[in-house]
Amino acid sequence: MTGLSRIEARAAHDRLMVAGAFHPGPEDGLPEDIATLILLAPAEPGFWAHMTAAAEWSDGAPDPVDRWSSRVVGQIAAEIGGRAWFPFGGPPYAPFFAWARRSGRAWASPVTLLVHDVAGLMISYRGAIGLAERLDLPPPPERPCDRCEARPCLTACPPRALTAAGYDLDACHAFLDRSEARDCLEKGCGVRRACPLSQAYGRLPEQSAYHMRLFHR
């Protein structure tokens, strides 16, 4: 596990965590010379303060989080001899949803959103790094929803836009136009926050509010 531990330590320097990794196959849409794909996500608490202190946040140019991710993940990839992919910049877009599930550390939740073993429903990926080296990887954990008896995510959405039946985007946006949606807009999606793992993750409301503003313009 030395190789993966080294990458985890380097990512932690920029408040990122290794949120999963896997050995790709032909179905994953990656070059044949990529033997290990590593997914990077915000390490909380601490990511938002670190990222907003960077030049990209204050230079006035658009998409500061994506530009920071491009620079930082790209630099990490260069340092360890890998190649970077990002969940933005398309079309075409890299299949991060499928990659997340392939990692064995993210699953479809009861409300169909991805749920992660550490970040819960707050999981987001800032990039991925592919390596030609086949790293030793730990066994995947158990799906956390299987031991969550309460499943608060199923009843946390007032307009029932997020349920076991899937995501009703129009209903979500219609609700966010109403005054009673202030809690979601200022603190983040109530369904995501209801997940016990999300609550333990340490993501700041300011970060969620920023992404909600971009989502509901």
Protein backbone atom coordinates (compact mmCIF):
# COMPACT_ATOMS: atom_id res chain seq x y z
CA MET A 1 0.00 0.00 0.00
CA THR A 2 3.03 2.30 -0.05
CA GLY A 3 2.21 3.76 -3.45
CA LEU A 4 -1.36 4.67 -2.57
CA SER A 5 -0.30 6.03 0.82
CA ARG A 6 2.18 8.33 -0.89
CA ILE A 7 -0.54 9.67 -3.15
CA GLU A 8 -2.90 10.14 -0.20
CA ALA A 9 -0.24 12.18 1.59
CA ARG A 10 0.38 14.36 -1.46
CA ALA A 11 -3.33 14.96 -2.02
CA ALA A 12 -3.80 15.89 1.65
CA HIS A 13 -1.35 18.76 1.14
CA ASP A 14 -4.06 20.42 -0.96
CA ARG A 15 -6.95 19.27 1.23
CA LEU A 16 -7.96 16.49 -1.15
CA MET A 17 -8.55 12.85 -0.31
CA VAL A 18 -8.34 9.64 -2.28
CA ALA A 19 -12.06 8.92 -2.51
CA GLY A 20 -11.65 5.65 -4.37
CA ALA A 21 -9.48 3.80 -6.84
CA PHE A 22 -9.81 0.82 -9.14
CA HIS A 23 -8.08 -1.17 -11.84
CA PRO A 24 -9.79 -0.24 -15.14
CA GLY A 25 -11.09 -2.64 -17.72
CA PRO A 26 -12.13 -2.14 -21.35
CA GLU A 27 -15.59 -1.00 -20.26
CA ASP A 28 -14.25 2.04 -18.37
CA GLY A 29 -13.32 4.10 -21.41
CA LEU A 30 -9.70 4.67 -20.44
CA PRO A 31 -6.50 4.18 -22.44
CA GLU A 32 -5.10 0.67 -22.32
CA ASP A 33 -1.95 1.83 -20.54
CA ILE A 34 -3.87 3.05 -17.47
CA ALA A 35 -3.61 0.34 -14.82
CA THR A 36 -4.95 2.28 -11.82
CA LEU A 37 -7.43 5.16 -11.68
CA ILE A 38 -7.52 7.27 -8.51
CA LEU A 39 -10.48 9.53 -7.70
CA LEU A 40 -9.86 12.71 -5.71
CA ALA A 41 -12.46 14.55 -3.64
CA PRO A 42 -12.44 17.38 -1.07
CA ALA A 43 -11.01 16.38 2.31
CA GLU A 44 -13.20 17.84 5.01
CA PRO A 45 -13.00 19.74 7.18
CA GLY A 46 -10.54 22.19 5.63
CA PHE A 47 -11.04 22.02 1.88
CA TRP A 48 -13.11 25.16 1.46
CA ALA A 49 -10.80 27.42 3.47
CA HIS A 50 -7.81 26.08 1.55
CA MET A 51 -9.40 26.45 -1.88
CA THR A 52 -10.83 29.95 -1.27
CA ALA A 53 -7.39 31.16 -0.20
CA ALA A 54 -6.02 30.31 -3.65
CA ALA A 55 -5.56 32.83 -6.46
CA GLU A 56 -8.33 31.33 -8.58
CA TRP A 57 -10.95 32.33 -6.02
CA SER A 58 -10.10 36.03 -6.04
CA ASP A 59 -8.92 36.73 -9.59
CA GLY A 60 -12.41 37.51 -10.89
CA ALA A 61 -12.35 34.92 -13.68
CA PRO A 62 -15.22 32.42 -14.02
CA ASP A 63 -15.29 28.87 -12.64
CA PRO A 64 -12.75 29.30 -9.82
CA VAL A 65 -13.32 25.85 -8.29
CA ASP A 66 -12.88 24.06 -11.60
CA ARG A 67 -9.79 26.11 -12.47
CA TRP A 68 -8.29 25.39 -9.07
CA SER A 69 -9.03 21.70 -9.57
CA SER A 70 -7.39 21.71 -13.01
CA ARG A 71 -4.24 23.28 -11.64
CA VAL A 72 -3.93 21.27 -8.44
CA VAL A 73 -4.98 17.84 -9.72
CA GLY A 74 -2.94 18.42 -12.87
CA GLN A 75 0.11 19.24 -10.75
CA ILE A 76 -0.34 16.16 -8.59
CA ALA A 77 -0.69 14.01 -11.71
CA ALA A 78 2.50 15.46 -13.16
CA GLU A 79 4.41 14.87 -9.93
CA ILE A 80 3.47 11.19 -9.70
CA GLY A 81 3.77 10.45 -13.41
CA GLY A 82 0.06 10.19 -14.12
CA ARG A 83 -2.60 11.67 -16.35
CA ALA A 84 -5.52 13.77 -15.10
CA TRP A 85 -9.23 13.64 -15.97
CA PHE A 86 -11.92 16.02 -14.75
CA PRO A 87 -15.73 15.92 -14.36
CA PHE A 88 -16.05 19.24 -16.20
CA GLY A 89 -14.81 20.75 -19.45
CA GLY A 90 -17.03 18.72 -21.79
CA PRO A 91 -18.77 17.59 -23.78
CA PRO A 92 -17.73 14.87 -23.93
CA TYR A 93 -17.58 14.34 -20.17
CA ALA A 94 -15.58 11.70 -18.37
CA PRO A 95 -17.92 9.08 -16.78
CA PHE A 96 -17.23 9.98 -13.15
CA PHE A 97 -20.53 8.50 -11.93
CA ALA A 98 -19.59 5.12 -13.36
CA TRP A 99 -16.00 5.43 -12.17
CA ALA A 100 -17.18 6.26 -8.66
CA ARG A 101 -19.26 3.09 -8.53
CA ARG A 102 -16.40 1.04 -9.98
CA SER A 103 -14.19 2.20 -7.11
CA GLY A 104 -16.29 0.22 -4.64
CA ARG A 105 -16.57 3.24 -2.35
CA ALA A 106 -19.65 4.92 -3.86
CA TRP A 107 -23.09 3.48 -4.52
CA ALA A 108 -26.53 4.53 -5.66
CA SER A 109 -28.30 5.78 -2.53
CA PRO A 110 -31.98 5.17 -1.72
CA VAL A 111 -32.69 8.50 -3.49
CA THR A 112 -30.46 7.48 -6.47
CA LEU A 113 -27.74 10.10 -5.77
CA LEU A 114 -24.25 8.77 -5.20
CA VAL A 115 -23.44 8.04 -1.57
CA HIS A 116 -19.81 7.67 -0.47
CA ASP A 117 -18.45 5.71 2.47
CA VAL A 118 -16.88 8.87 3.99
CA ALA A 119 -18.58 11.89 2.40
CA GLY A 120 -22.08 10.45 2.30
CA LEU A 121 -24.38 12.35 -0.06
CA MET A 122 -21.94 15.30 -0.06
CA ILE A 123 -19.50 13.47 -2.29
CA SER A 124 -18.06 15.44 -5.19
CA TYR A 125 -15.05 14.62 -7.31
CA ARG A 126 -12.49 17.25 -8.27
CA GLY A 127 -10.57 15.01 -10.63
CA ALA A 128 -9.05 11.61 -11.32
CA ILE A 129 -5.51 10.49 -11.96
CA GLY A 130 -4.62 7.51 -14.10
CA LEU A 131 -1.37 5.64 -13.58
CA ALA A 132 0.42 3.06 -15.67
CA GLU A 133 1.41 1.32 -12.42
CA ARG A 134 -1.00 -1.24 -10.98
CA LEU A 135 -1.20 -0.21 -7.33
CA ASP A 136 -2.27 -2.49 -4.52
CA LEU A 137 -5.73 -1.37 -3.37
CA PRO A 138 -7.59 -2.06 -0.13
CA PRO A 139 -10.77 -4.15 -0.17
CA PRO A 140 -13.94 -2.09 -0.62
CA PRO A 141 -16.06 -1.24 2.43
CA GLU A 142 -19.67 -2.24 2.94
CA ARG A 143 -22.39 -0.07 1.44
CA PRO A 144 -23.34 2.28 4.31
CA CYS A 145 -27.03 2.44 3.36
CA ASP A 146 -27.35 -1.27 4.13
CA ARG A 147 -26.87 -0.54 7.83
CA CYS A 148 -28.82 2.75 7.89
CA GLU A 149 -32.23 1.78 9.26
CA ALA A 150 -33.72 5.28 9.42
CA ARG A 151 -32.87 6.26 5.82
CA PRO A 152 -33.71 9.95 6.45
CA CYS A 153 -32.80 10.83 2.87
CA LEU A 154 -36.10 9.33 1.68
CA THR A 155 -38.26 11.84 3.53
CA ALA A 156 -36.06 14.95 3.72
CA CYS A 157 -37.20 16.66 0.51
CA PRO A 158 -40.28 18.90 1.08
CA PRO A 159 -41.43 18.92 -2.58
CA ARG A 160 -40.59 15.20 -2.96
CA ALA A 161 -38.22 16.04 -5.78
CA LEU A 162 -35.71 13.45 -4.56
CA THR A 163 -37.22 10.06 -3.78
CA ALA A 164 -36.65 6.40 -4.48
CA ALA A 165 -38.29 7.02 -7.85
CA GLY A 166 -35.47 9.35 -8.87
CA TYR A 167 -34.86 13.07 -9.22
CA ASP A 168 -37.50 15.54 -10.44
CA LEU A 169 -35.33 18.48 -11.51
CA ASP A 170 -38.25 20.76 -12.36
CA ALA A 171 -39.89 20.20 -8.98
CA CYS A 172 -36.60 20.95 -7.25
CA HIS A 173 -36.11 24.27 -9.04
CA ALA A 174 -39.76 25.24 -8.49
CA PHE A 175 -39.34 24.66 -4.76
CA LEU A 176 -36.09 26.65 -4.62
CA ASP A 177 -37.99 29.68 -5.95
CA ARG A 178 -40.13 29.69 -2.79
CA SER A 179 -39.31 31.39 0.50
CA GLU A 180 -39.39 28.14 2.47
CA ALA A 181 -36.42 26.88 0.43
CA ARG A 182 -34.03 29.31 2.10
CA ASP A 183 -32.59 26.53 4.26
CA CYS A 184 -31.60 24.50 1.19
CA LEU A 185 -30.15 27.53 -0.58
CA GLU A 186 -28.07 28.67 2.39
CA LYS A 187 -26.98 25.32 3.82
CA GLY A 188 -27.24 22.90 0.91
CA CYS A 189 -29.76 20.33 -0.24
CA GLY A 190 -31.75 19.02 2.70
CA VAL A 191 -31.62 15.47 1.37
CA ARG A 192 -27.83 15.53 1.17
CA ARG A 193 -27.61 16.99 4.68
CA ALA A 194 -29.97 14.38 6.11
CA CYS A 195 -27.52 11.54 5.46
CA PRO A 196 -25.69 10.60 8.71
CA LEU A 197 -22.41 10.31 6.82
CA SER A 198 -22.88 13.77 5.31
CA GLN A 199 -23.37 15.19 8.80
CA ALA A 200 -20.08 13.70 9.94
CA TYR A 201 -18.15 14.82 6.86
CA GLY A 202 -17.53 18.44 7.90
CA ARG A 203 -18.50 20.28 4.72
CA LEU A 204 -19.15 23.97 5.46
CA PRO A 205 -22.54 25.55 4.68
CA GLU A 206 -20.71 28.27 2.74
CA GLN A 207 -19.45 25.72 0.24
CA SER A 208 -22.88 24.20 -0.21
CA ALA A 209 -24.44 27.67 -0.61
CA TYR A 210 -21.94 28.50 -3.35
CA HIS A 211 -22.82 25.39 -5.33
CA MET A 212 -26.53 25.93 -4.77
CA ARG A 213 -26.23 29.45 -6.25
CA LEU A 214 -24.63 27.98 -9.36
CA PHE A 215 -27.23 25.25 -9.56
CA HIS A 216 -30.26 27.53 -9.12
CA ARG A 217 -29.47 30.64 -11.09
